[in-house]
């Protein structure tokens, strides 16, 4: 059984930085693309960033480009989201997710991801 456990969320002021981590159990982590999504009350869940299984390709939603960096360490079964220059509009619950299909490319639809973490709250005050 695959489990994803996020950590690193918190409360901070605008302009600050946080690094989210997502530890993944299961020996096949390295062959699956991974992504970070976020959800705010009243809004659809949106993909924030994604990384291919070999880290050769990354994707970022326009609103975080240049500020967030997704990375993965396949030896540690962990995916990270480094968030810099945080803004109040980044406030959300952040979820990591594993894509359903191994050895595949990045996709943006949440329906293509089959395992999710419990979420970690990020709150940015102005």
Protein backbone atom coordinates (compact mmCIF):
# COMPACT_ATOMS: atom_id res chain seq x y z
CA UNK A 1 0.00 0.00 0.00
CA UNK A 2 1.27 3.44 -0.92
CA UNK A 3 1.17 6.22 1.67
CA UNK A 4 2.07 9.86 1.24
CA UNK A 5 2.84 12.02 4.26
CA UNK A 6 3.35 15.76 3.88
CA UNK A 7 5.16 18.02 6.30
CA UNK A 8 6.55 21.53 6.45
CA UNK A 9 3.46 23.70 6.39
CA UNK A 10 3.00 26.62 8.71
CA UNK A 11 2.08 30.23 9.32
CA UNK A 12 4.36 32.98 8.10
CA UNK A 13 4.43 36.51 6.77
CA UNK A 14 4.41 37.49 3.14
CA UNK A 15 7.83 37.33 1.56
CA UNK A 16 8.91 34.33 3.60
CA UNK A 17 9.88 30.84 2.53
CA UNK A 18 8.80 27.31 3.35
CA UNK A 19 9.82 23.90 2.15
CA UNK A 20 7.17 21.22 1.98
CA UNK A 21 8.18 17.58 2.02
CA UNK A 22 6.20 14.51 1.00
CA UNK A 23 7.51 11.14 2.09
CA UNK A 24 6.20 8.26 0.02
CA UNK A 25 6.13 4.66 1.11
CA UNK A 26 6.34 1.97 -1.51
CA UNK A 27 9.22 0.74 -3.54
CA UNK A 28 7.99 2.05 -6.89
CA UNK A 29 8.09 5.76 -6.08
CA UNK A 30 10.93 6.44 -8.48
CA UNK A 31 8.94 5.43 -11.58
CA UNK A 32 5.96 7.76 -11.06
CA UNK A 33 5.52 11.44 -11.77
CA UNK A 34 4.59 13.40 -8.66
CA UNK A 35 2.73 16.64 -8.15
CA UNK A 36 1.71 19.21 -5.58
CA UNK A 37 -1.85 20.52 -5.57
CA UNK A 38 -3.50 23.10 -3.36
CA UNK A 39 -7.01 23.87 -2.30
CA UNK A 40 -8.54 26.98 -0.80
CA UNK A 41 -12.12 27.30 0.48
CA UNK A 42 -14.55 27.97 -2.34
CA UNK A 43 -12.05 27.16 -5.06
CA UNK A 44 -11.29 24.13 -7.15
CA UNK A 45 -8.22 22.13 -6.28
CA UNK A 46 -5.43 23.29 -8.57
CA UNK A 47 -2.14 21.79 -9.56
CA UNK A 48 0.78 23.88 -8.37
CA UNK A 49 3.76 21.95 -9.66
CA UNK A 50 4.69 18.57 -11.06
CA UNK A 51 7.87 16.65 -11.72
CA UNK A 52 8.52 13.75 -14.04
CA UNK A 53 9.78 10.45 -12.70
CA UNK A 54 13.38 11.17 -13.74
CA UNK A 55 13.17 14.88 -12.84
CA UNK A 56 13.83 15.79 -16.46
CA UNK A 57 10.61 17.78 -16.76
CA UNK A 58 8.83 20.10 -14.37
CA UNK A 59 5.63 22.10 -14.57
CA UNK A 60 4.45 25.14 -12.60
CA UNK A 61 1.20 27.01 -12.61
CA UNK A 62 1.79 30.56 -13.80
CA UNK A 63 1.09 32.11 -10.42
CA UNK A 64 4.08 30.38 -8.78
CA UNK A 65 6.63 30.41 -11.59
CA UNK A 66 9.91 31.84 -10.45
CA UNK A 67 8.96 31.45 -6.78
CA UNK A 68 8.35 27.72 -6.25
CA UNK A 69 10.61 24.81 -7.08
CA UNK A 70 9.58 21.16 -7.14
CA UNK A 71 12.20 18.47 -6.75
CA UNK A 72 12.45 14.84 -5.82
CA UNK A 73 14.97 12.53 -4.24
CA UNK A 74 14.24 9.04 -5.44
CA UNK A 75 16.76 7.55 -3.03
CA UNK A 76 14.76 9.00 -0.15
CA UNK A 77 11.31 8.46 -1.69
CA UNK A 78 10.58 12.12 -1.11
CA UNK A 79 9.29 15.00 -3.17
CA UNK A 80 9.76 18.61 -2.14
CA UNK A 81 8.20 21.97 -2.84
CA UNK A 82 10.42 24.92 -2.06
CA UNK A 83 8.25 28.02 -1.79
CA UNK A 84 9.89 31.44 -1.78
CA UNK A 85 8.50 34.98 -1.81
CA UNK A 86 5.23 33.69 -0.45
CA UNK A 87 2.12 35.77 -0.92
CA UNK A 88 -1.19 35.79 0.96
CA UNK A 89 -2.83 34.26 -2.10
CA UNK A 90 -0.62 31.19 -1.63
CA UNK A 91 -2.58 30.39 1.52
CA UNK A 92 -4.07 26.92 1.04
CA UNK A 93 -3.91 23.30 2.04
CA UNK A 94 -1.17 21.71 -0.01
CA UNK A 95 -1.35 18.07 -1.09
CA UNK A 96 1.19 15.87 -2.76
CA UNK A 97 -0.04 13.25 -5.17
CA UNK A 98 1.30 10.31 -7.10
CA UNK A 99 0.37 9.76 -10.70
CA UNK A 100 -1.51 6.56 -11.55
CA UNK A 101 0.75 5.55 -14.41
CA UNK A 102 4.42 4.75 -14.08
CA UNK A 103 7.06 5.81 -16.59
CA UNK A 104 4.66 8.46 -17.85
CA UNK A 105 4.72 12.19 -18.41
CA UNK A 106 3.35 15.07 -16.39
CA UNK A 107 -0.40 15.61 -16.43
CA UNK A 108 -2.49 18.32 -14.83
CA UNK A 109 -5.78 16.65 -13.99
CA UNK A 110 -6.28 15.48 -10.43
CA UNK A 111 -8.13 12.46 -11.85
CA UNK A 112 -4.80 11.12 -13.10
CA UNK A 113 -3.40 10.86 -9.58
CA UNK A 114 -4.36 7.92 -7.41
CA UNK A 115 -2.67 8.45 -4.05
CA UNK A 116 -2.79 11.63 -2.02
CA UNK A 117 -1.33 12.87 1.20
CA UNK A 118 -3.40 14.21 4.05
CA UNK A 119 -2.52 17.81 3.27
CA UNK A 120 -0.51 20.46 5.06
CA UNK A 121 -1.77 23.96 5.77
CA UNK A 122 0.20 26.95 4.54
CA UNK A 123 -1.00 30.33 5.78
CA UNK A 124 0.65 33.53 4.59
CA UNK A 125 -0.26 36.77 6.33
CA UNK A 126 0.10 40.19 4.77
